[in-house]
Amino acid sequence: MDFPLSELMDEQACYQKLVNLLHPGGLKCPRCGKDDAMVVHRRHREPVLDYRCSRCGRVFNAWTGTQLQKTHRRPSEMVLILRGVAQGRSTAGLARELECSRTHLLELRHQMQERALSTVWKPLLDASVEADEMYQNAGEKRRSAHRSRRSTASARQ
């Protein structure tokens, strides 16, 4: 039985969590980089507000220029998707819980995982690498099995 947690979550708190993850330095205009000239432009998808930069005139929201750009999912759904991917839950289970298409959710999951790998995984700078700890126990054999000292004839009796 799937229990839709998205109905119980606070949209504003989820939105703020996503903004903090996507913009650790704070929300800024994607064109000019200013954060002091933002004015609310539209409120049609609260809590995801559209802002207009009073310096350059660019209209944007918190998802502009991120993996979530062009998504129409509610912030609570996005938090549940991130949570499910981080926990290793199946895409089919998440799709049932969120009542959405498994195909679209799988595409989003692949994009998120690709982005995570590209930002976290960094190649080593050295031409050679020491792996002494990796092979510390290589070639060692475990203890031999415990054998009884009694003869087989006395063991049968």
C-alpha atoms as a PDB file:
ATOM      1  CA  MET A   1       0.000   0.000   0.000  1.00  0.00           C
ATOM      2  CA  ASP A   2       1.441   3.360  -1.047  1.00  0.00           C
ATOM      3  CA  PHE A   3       0.854   6.330   1.219  1.00  0.00           C
ATOM      4  CA  PRO A   4       0.962   9.764  -0.529  1.00  0.00           C
ATOM      5  CA  LEU A   5       3.206  11.795   1.752  1.00  0.00           C
ATOM      6  CA  SER A   6       3.078  14.779  -0.613  1.00  0.00           C
ATOM      7  CA  GLU A   7      -0.369  15.634   0.753  1.00  0.00           C
ATOM      8  CA  LEU A   8       1.084  16.044   4.246  1.00  0.00           C
ATOM      9  CA  MET A   9       4.155  18.124   3.439  1.00  0.00           C
ATOM     10  CA  ASP A  10       4.486  21.895   3.771  1.00  0.00           C
ATOM     11  CA  GLU A  11       5.041  23.412   0.318  1.00  0.00           C
ATOM     12  CA  GLN A  12       6.802  26.531   1.625  1.00  0.00           C
ATOM     13  CA  ALA A  13       9.273  24.508   3.716  1.00  0.00           C
ATOM     14  CA  CYS A  14      10.019  22.198   0.761  1.00  0.00           C
ATOM     15  CA  TYR A  15      10.484  25.187  -1.552  1.00  0.00           C
ATOM     16  CA  GLN A  16      12.926  26.779   0.886  1.00  0.00           C
ATOM     17  CA  LYS A  17      14.871  23.507   1.209  1.00  0.00           C
ATOM     18  CA  LEU A  18      15.204  23.244  -2.576  1.00  0.00           C
ATOM     19  CA  VAL A  19      16.245  26.894  -2.931  1.00  0.00           C
ATOM     20  CA  ASN A  20      18.926  26.358  -0.272  1.00  0.00           C
ATOM     21  CA  LEU A  21      20.197  23.257  -2.117  1.00  0.00           C
ATOM     22  CA  LEU A  22      20.156  24.849  -5.574  1.00  0.00           C
ATOM     23  CA  HIS A  23      21.411  28.305  -4.563  1.00  0.00           C
ATOM     24  CA  PRO A  24      23.709  27.970  -1.518  1.00  0.00           C
ATOM     25  CA  GLY A  25      24.808  31.595  -1.878  1.00  0.00           C
ATOM     26  CA  GLY A  26      21.223  32.818  -2.123  1.00  0.00           C
ATOM     27  CA  LEU A  27      18.906  33.421  -5.055  1.00  0.00           C
ATOM     28  CA  LYS A  28      20.340  35.866  -7.618  1.00  0.00           C
ATOM     29  CA  CYS A  29      19.479  37.095 -11.088  1.00  0.00           C
ATOM     30  CA  PRO A  30      20.864  34.545 -13.569  1.00  0.00           C
ATOM     31  CA  ARG A  31      21.792  37.297 -16.054  1.00  0.00           C
ATOM     32  CA  CYS A  32      23.471  40.041 -13.988  1.00  0.00           C
ATOM     33  CA  GLY A  33      24.088  38.147 -10.720  1.00  0.00           C
ATOM     34  CA  LYS A  34      22.522  40.802  -8.481  1.00  0.00           C
ATOM     35  CA  ASP A  35      20.452  39.714  -5.485  1.00  0.00           C
ATOM     36  CA  ASP A  36      19.313  43.119  -4.252  1.00  0.00           C
ATOM     37  CA  ALA A  37      17.195  44.088  -7.268  1.00  0.00           C
ATOM     38  CA  MET A  38      14.590  41.293  -7.326  1.00  0.00           C
ATOM     39  CA  VAL A  39      10.909  42.208  -7.418  1.00  0.00           C
ATOM     40  CA  VAL A  40       8.052  39.675  -7.386  1.00  0.00           C
ATOM     41  CA  HIS A  41       6.696  39.506 -10.941  1.00  0.00           C
ATOM     42  CA  ARG A  42       4.038  36.748 -10.725  1.00  0.00           C
ATOM     43  CA  ARG A  43       2.511  34.630  -7.975  1.00  0.00           C
ATOM     44  CA  HIS A  44       0.585  32.125 -10.088  1.00  0.00           C
ATOM     45  CA  ARG A  45       2.495  29.073  -8.731  1.00  0.00           C
ATOM     46  CA  GLU A  46       3.110  29.924  -5.094  1.00  0.00           C
ATOM     47  CA  PRO A  47       5.426  29.210  -3.353  1.00  0.00           C
ATOM     48  CA  VAL A  48       7.481  29.205  -6.597  1.00  0.00           C
ATOM     49  CA  LEU A  49       7.464  32.911  -7.356  1.00  0.00           C
ATOM     50  CA  ASP A  50       8.577  34.528 -10.598  1.00  0.00           C
ATOM     51  CA  TYR A  51      10.925  37.454 -10.016  1.00  0.00           C
ATOM     52  CA  ARG A  52      11.937  40.347 -12.243  1.00  0.00           C
ATOM     53  CA  CYS A  53      15.347  41.921 -11.894  1.00  0.00           C
ATOM     54  CA  SER A  54      14.929  45.685 -11.735  1.00  0.00           C
ATOM     55  CA  ARG A  55      18.485  46.180 -13.077  1.00  0.00           C
ATOM     56  CA  CYS A  56      18.420  44.060 -16.237  1.00  0.00           C
ATOM     57  CA  GLY A  57      14.713  43.199 -16.594  1.00  0.00           C
ATOM     58  CA  ARG A  58      15.184  39.408 -16.615  1.00  0.00           C
ATOM     59  CA  VAL A  59      12.197  37.361 -15.396  1.00  0.00           C
ATOM     60  CA  PHE A  60      13.210  34.163 -13.567  1.00  0.00           C
ATOM     61  CA  ASN A  61      12.366  31.864 -10.696  1.00  0.00           C
ATOM     62  CA  ALA A  62      14.344  29.611  -8.369  1.00  0.00           C
ATOM     63  CA  TRP A  63      14.409  26.798 -10.947  1.00  0.00           C
ATOM     64  CA  THR A  64      15.854  28.916 -13.807  1.00  0.00           C
ATOM     65  CA  GLY A  65      19.246  27.595 -14.918  1.00  0.00           C
ATOM     66  CA  THR A  66      19.027  24.451 -12.739  1.00  0.00           C
ATOM     67  CA  GLN A  67      18.046  20.801 -13.242  1.00  0.00           C
ATOM     68  CA  LEU A  68      14.503  21.746 -12.236  1.00  0.00           C
ATOM     69  CA  GLN A  69      14.047  24.303 -15.021  1.00  0.00           C
ATOM     70  CA  LYS A  70      10.802  23.732 -16.934  1.00  0.00           C
ATOM     71  CA  THR A  71       9.441  21.388 -14.282  1.00  0.00           C
ATOM     72  CA  HIS A  72       5.879  21.882 -13.156  1.00  0.00           C
ATOM     73  CA  ARG A  73       6.076  19.662 -10.105  1.00  0.00           C
ATOM     74  CA  ARG A  74       5.258  20.996  -6.685  1.00  0.00           C
ATOM     75  CA  PRO A  75       8.209  21.499  -4.308  1.00  0.00           C
ATOM     76  CA  SER A  76       6.937  18.703  -2.028  1.00  0.00           C
ATOM     77  CA  GLU A  77       6.996  16.287  -4.966  1.00  0.00           C
ATOM     78  CA  MET A  78      10.550  17.304  -5.839  1.00  0.00           C
ATOM     79  CA  VAL A  79      11.689  16.767  -2.242  1.00  0.00           C
ATOM     80  CA  LEU A  80      10.078  13.315  -2.228  1.00  0.00           C
ATOM     81  CA  ILE A  81      11.770  12.460  -5.528  1.00  0.00           C
ATOM     82  CA  LEU A  82      15.171  13.586  -4.212  1.00  0.00           C
ATOM     83  CA  ARG A  83      14.599  11.623  -1.016  1.00  0.00           C
ATOM     84  CA  GLY A  84      13.572   8.506  -2.944  1.00  0.00           C
ATOM     85  CA  VAL A  85      16.564   8.675  -5.275  1.00  0.00           C
ATOM     86  CA  ALA A  86      18.934   9.187  -2.330  1.00  0.00           C
ATOM     87  CA  GLN A  87      17.402   6.188  -0.525  1.00  0.00           C
ATOM     88  CA  GLY A  88      17.638   4.026  -3.637  1.00  0.00           C
ATOM     89  CA  ARG A  89      13.886   3.458  -3.938  1.00  0.00           C
ATOM     90  CA  SER A  90      12.563   2.052  -7.180  1.00  0.00           C
ATOM     91  CA  THR A  91      11.274   4.427  -9.817  1.00  0.00           C
ATOM     92  CA  ALA A  92       8.059   2.417 -10.110  1.00  0.00           C
ATOM     93  CA  GLY A  93       7.359   2.765  -6.375  1.00  0.00           C
ATOM     94  CA  LEU A  94       8.021   6.508  -6.467  1.00  0.00           C
ATOM     95  CA  ALA A  95       5.784   6.893  -9.515  1.00  0.00           C
ATOM     96  CA  ARG A  96       2.941   5.077  -7.752  1.00  0.00           C
ATOM     97  CA  GLU A  97       3.389   7.179  -4.613  1.00  0.00           C
ATOM     98  CA  LEU A  98       3.407  10.451  -6.566  1.00  0.00           C
ATOM     99  CA  GLU A  99       0.784   9.274  -9.051  1.00  0.00           C
ATOM    100  CA  CYS A 100       2.895  10.240 -12.063  1.00  0.00           C
ATOM    101  CA  SER A 101       4.440   8.661 -15.153  1.00  0.00           C
ATOM    102  CA  ARG A 102       7.234   6.217 -14.420  1.00  0.00           C
ATOM    103  CA  THR A 103       8.900   7.085 -17.745  1.00  0.00           C
ATOM    104  CA  HIS A 104       9.154  10.805 -16.985  1.00  0.00           C
ATOM    105  CA  LEU A 105      10.285  10.091 -13.445  1.00  0.00           C
ATOM    106  CA  LEU A 106      12.989   7.752 -14.747  1.00  0.00           C
ATOM    107  CA  GLU A 107      14.272  10.453 -17.111  1.00  0.00           C
ATOM    108  CA  LEU A 108      14.395  12.939 -14.217  1.00  0.00           C
ATOM    109  CA  ARG A 109      16.166  10.390 -12.032  1.00  0.00           C
ATOM    110  CA  HIS A 110      18.823   9.772 -14.700  1.00  0.00           C
ATOM    111  CA  GLN A 111      19.385  13.519 -15.117  1.00  0.00           C
ATOM    112  CA  MET A 112      19.755  13.960 -11.362  1.00  0.00           C
ATOM    113  CA  GLN A 113      22.158  11.032 -11.022  1.00  0.00           C
ATOM    114  CA  GLU A 114      24.233  12.214 -13.981  1.00  0.00           C
ATOM    115  CA  ARG A 115      24.448  15.694 -12.483  1.00  0.00           C
ATOM    116  CA  ALA A 116      25.431  14.307  -9.090  1.00  0.00           C
ATOM    117  CA  LEU A 117      28.178  12.170 -10.604  1.00  0.00           C
ATOM    118  CA  SER A 118      29.548  15.028 -12.683  1.00  0.00           C
ATOM    119  CA  THR A 119      29.798  17.350  -9.683  1.00  0.00           C
ATOM    120  CA  VAL A 120      31.003  14.826  -7.094  1.00  0.00           C
ATOM    121  CA  TRP A 121      33.350  12.579  -9.043  1.00  0.00           C
ATOM    122  CA  LYS A 122      36.674  14.211  -9.763  1.00  0.00           C
ATOM    123  CA  PRO A 123      39.499  12.406 -11.553  1.00  0.00           C
ATOM    124  CA  LEU A 124      42.794  12.009  -9.721  1.00  0.00           C
ATOM    125  CA  LEU A 125      45.470  14.517 -10.667  1.00  0.00           C
ATOM    126  CA  ASP A 126      48.421  12.123 -10.244  1.00  0.00           C
ATOM    127  CA  ALA A 127      49.666   9.962 -13.098  1.00  0.00           C
ATOM    128  CA  SER A 128      50.217   7.077 -10.670  1.00  0.00           C
ATOM    129  CA  VAL A 129      48.259   6.017  -7.635  1.00  0.00           C
ATOM    130  CA  GLU A 130      49.343   3.987  -4.639  1.00  0.00           C
ATOM    131  CA  ALA A 131      46.937   1.272  -3.645  1.00  0.00           C
ATOM    132  CA  ASP A 132      48.736  -0.372  -0.742  1.00  0.00           C
ATOM    133  CA  GLU A 133      45.762  -0.291   1.631  1.00  0.00           C
ATOM    134  CA  MET A 134      43.425  -1.609  -1.017  1.00  0.00           C
ATOM    135  CA  TYR A 135      45.421  -4.818  -1.360  1.00  0.00           C
ATOM    136  CA  GLN A 136      46.446  -5.108   2.281  1.00  0.00           C
ATOM    137  CA  ASN A 137      44.961  -8.588   2.735  1.00  0.00           C
ATOM    138  CA  ALA A 138      45.445  -9.818  -0.830  1.00  0.00           C
ATOM    139  CA  GLY A 139      46.807 -13.335  -1.004  1.00  0.00           C
ATOM    140  CA  GLU A 140      46.319 -14.099   2.678  1.00  0.00           C
ATOM    141  CA  LYS A 141      44.458 -17.244   3.511  1.00  0.00           C
ATOM    142  CA  ARG A 142      42.117 -17.704   6.362  1.00  0.00           C
ATOM    143  CA  ARG A 143      42.750 -20.212   9.118  1.00  0.00           C
ATOM    144  CA  SER A 144      42.189 -23.817   8.321  1.00  0.00           C
ATOM    145  CA  ALA A 145      38.930 -25.333   9.501  1.00  0.00           C
ATOM    146  CA  HIS A 146      38.788 -26.778  13.015  1.00  0.00           C
ATOM    147  CA  ARG A 147      39.226 -30.548  12.957  1.00  0.00           C
ATOM    148  CA  SER A 148      38.435 -32.883  15.766  1.00  0.00           C
ATOM    149  CA  ARG A 149      41.362 -34.831  17.215  1.00  0.00           C
ATOM    150  CA  ARG A 150      39.269 -37.974  17.674  1.00  0.00           C
ATOM    151  CA  SER A 151      39.568 -40.756  15.198  1.00  0.00           C
ATOM    152  CA  THR A 152      36.696 -41.443  12.836  1.00  0.00           C
ATOM    153  CA  ALA A 153      36.035 -44.819  14.440  1.00  0.00           C
ATOM    154  CA  SER A 154      35.517 -43.291  17.884  1.00  0.00           C
ATOM    155  CA  ALA A 155      33.419 -40.483  16.442  1.00  0.00           C
ATOM    156  CA  ARG A 156      30.898 -43.006  15.046  1.00  0.00           C
ATOM    157  CA  GLN A 157      30.338 -44.650  18.410  1.00  0.00           C
END
